[in-house]
Amino acid sequence: MSQRPITSACAVDAAQLARVTAVVSGHGTLGHVLATAAAASPPAKPVALVRQDEYTHDVVMAFEPGLFVVYDVT
């Protein structure tokens, strides 16, 4: 599995970005994302699903209070 780019669209500090990177770097599929979310305590669910076109969606997941991760899913 190749490393996908992780970019920040807001002001996050280095420690937050490191925590996000450590968790999401292993997510190669939406299945990995949902499995990680289900294993969290308490289990997490997608916050939003944004349809970009007929094939592409953005899945928004809460990561920490006030911090969200958005996955571009095709």
C-alpha atoms as a PDB file:
ATOM      1  CA  MET A   1       0.000   0.000   0.000  1.00  0.00           C
ATOM      2  CA  SER A   2       1.406   3.371  -0.946  1.00  0.00           C
ATOM      3  CA  GLN A   3       1.485   6.287   1.477  1.00  0.00           C
ATOM      4  CA  ARG A   4      -1.254   8.766   0.746  1.00  0.00           C
ATOM      5  CA  PRO A   5      -0.578  12.462   1.226  1.00  0.00           C
ATOM      6  CA  ILE A   6      -1.855  13.960   4.459  1.00  0.00           C
ATOM      7  CA  THR A   7      -2.427  17.683   4.273  1.00  0.00           C
ATOM      8  CA  SER A   8      -3.854  20.202   6.692  1.00  0.00           C
ATOM      9  CA  ALA A   9      -6.449  22.709   5.559  1.00  0.00           C
ATOM     10  CA  CYS A  10      -6.443  24.502   8.900  1.00  0.00           C
ATOM     11  CA  ALA A  11      -4.125  25.501  11.719  1.00  0.00           C
ATOM     12  CA  VAL A  12      -3.086  22.302  13.506  1.00  0.00           C
ATOM     13  CA  ASP A  13       0.026  22.013  15.578  1.00  0.00           C
ATOM     14  CA  ALA A  14       2.760  19.471  14.916  1.00  0.00           C
ATOM     15  CA  ALA A  15       1.587  17.170  17.713  1.00  0.00           C
ATOM     16  CA  GLN A  16      -1.967  17.022  16.332  1.00  0.00           C
ATOM     17  CA  LEU A  17      -0.709  16.356  12.823  1.00  0.00           C
ATOM     18  CA  ALA A  18       1.563  13.597  14.143  1.00  0.00           C
ATOM     19  CA  ARG A  19      -1.402  11.926  15.934  1.00  0.00           C
ATOM     20  CA  VAL A  20      -3.539  12.104  12.799  1.00  0.00           C
ATOM     21  CA  THR A  21      -0.717  10.755  10.631  1.00  0.00           C
ATOM     22  CA  ALA A  22      -0.060   7.861  13.015  1.00  0.00           C
ATOM     23  CA  VAL A  23      -3.698   6.745  12.814  1.00  0.00           C
ATOM     24  CA  VAL A  24      -4.623   7.423   9.202  1.00  0.00           C
ATOM     25  CA  SER A  25      -1.406   6.281   7.518  1.00  0.00           C
ATOM     26  CA  GLY A  26      -2.681   2.693   7.708  1.00  0.00           C
ATOM     27  CA  HIS A  27      -6.011   3.492   6.085  1.00  0.00           C
ATOM     28  CA  GLY A  28      -5.843   2.161   2.553  1.00  0.00           C
ATOM     29  CA  THR A  29      -9.578   1.700   2.095  1.00  0.00           C
ATOM     30  CA  LEU A  30     -12.837   2.981   3.500  1.00  0.00           C
ATOM     31  CA  GLY A  31     -13.094  -0.388   5.236  1.00  0.00           C
ATOM     32  CA  HIS A  32      -9.927   0.395   7.198  1.00  0.00           C
ATOM     33  CA  VAL A  33     -11.357   3.784   8.197  1.00  0.00           C
ATOM     34  CA  LEU A  34     -14.637   2.287   9.402  1.00  0.00           C
ATOM     35  CA  ALA A  35     -12.910  -0.594  11.231  1.00  0.00           C
ATOM     36  CA  THR A  36     -10.699   1.871  13.117  1.00  0.00           C
ATOM     37  CA  ALA A  37     -13.736   4.000  13.943  1.00  0.00           C
ATOM     38  CA  ALA A  38     -15.717   0.980  15.182  1.00  0.00           C
ATOM     39  CA  ALA A  39     -12.823  -0.112  17.405  1.00  0.00           C
ATOM     40  CA  ALA A  40     -12.572   3.311  19.071  1.00  0.00           C
ATOM     41  CA  SER A  41     -13.954   3.825  22.555  1.00  0.00           C
ATOM     42  CA  PRO A  42     -16.633   5.013  22.201  1.00  0.00           C
ATOM     43  CA  PRO A  43     -17.151   3.812  18.606  1.00  0.00           C
ATOM     44  CA  ALA A  44     -17.125   6.599  16.030  1.00  0.00           C
ATOM     45  CA  LYS A  45     -19.351   7.122  13.014  1.00  0.00           C
ATOM     46  CA  PRO A  46     -18.906   9.319   9.962  1.00  0.00           C
ATOM     47  CA  VAL A  47     -19.968  12.895  10.688  1.00  0.00           C
ATOM     48  CA  ALA A  48     -20.853  13.634   7.071  1.00  0.00           C
ATOM     49  CA  LEU A  49     -20.767  12.174   3.590  1.00  0.00           C
ATOM     50  CA  VAL A  50     -20.344  14.791   0.869  1.00  0.00           C
ATOM     51  CA  ARG A  51     -21.044  13.726  -2.698  1.00  0.00           C
ATOM     52  CA  GLN A  52     -18.611  15.316  -5.137  1.00  0.00           C
ATOM     53  CA  ASP A  53     -19.831  13.541  -8.274  1.00  0.00           C
ATOM     54  CA  GLU A  54     -21.262  10.152  -9.192  1.00  0.00           C
ATOM     55  CA  TYR A  55     -18.049   8.341  -8.218  1.00  0.00           C
ATOM     56  CA  THR A  56     -16.318  10.475  -5.597  1.00  0.00           C
ATOM     57  CA  HIS A  57     -17.366  11.235  -2.033  1.00  0.00           C
ATOM     58  CA  ASP A  58     -15.723  12.907   0.954  1.00  0.00           C
ATOM     59  CA  VAL A  59     -16.173  11.064   4.246  1.00  0.00           C
ATOM     60  CA  VAL A  60     -15.803  13.324   7.274  1.00  0.00           C
ATOM     61  CA  MET A  61     -14.728  11.684  10.540  1.00  0.00           C
ATOM     62  CA  ALA A  62     -14.304  13.343  13.938  1.00  0.00           C
ATOM     63  CA  PHE A  63     -10.760  12.734  15.169  1.00  0.00           C
ATOM     64  CA  GLU A  64     -10.530  14.805  18.347  1.00  0.00           C
ATOM     65  CA  PRO A  65     -12.811  17.514  19.713  1.00  0.00           C
ATOM     66  CA  GLY A  66     -12.681  20.287  17.130  1.00  0.00           C
ATOM     67  CA  LEU A  67     -10.506  18.260  14.722  1.00  0.00           C
ATOM     68  CA  PHE A  68     -11.884  16.362  11.735  1.00  0.00           C
ATOM     69  CA  VAL A  69     -10.301  14.153   9.093  1.00  0.00           C
ATOM     70  CA  VAL A  70     -11.747  14.143   5.583  1.00  0.00           C
ATOM     71  CA  TYR A  71     -11.194  11.137   3.311  1.00  0.00           C
ATOM     72  CA  ASP A  72     -11.506  11.484  -0.447  1.00  0.00           C
ATOM     73  CA  VAL A  73     -13.217   8.220  -1.432  1.00  0.00           C
ATOM     74  CA  THR A  74     -13.619   6.979  -4.980  1.00  0.00           C
END
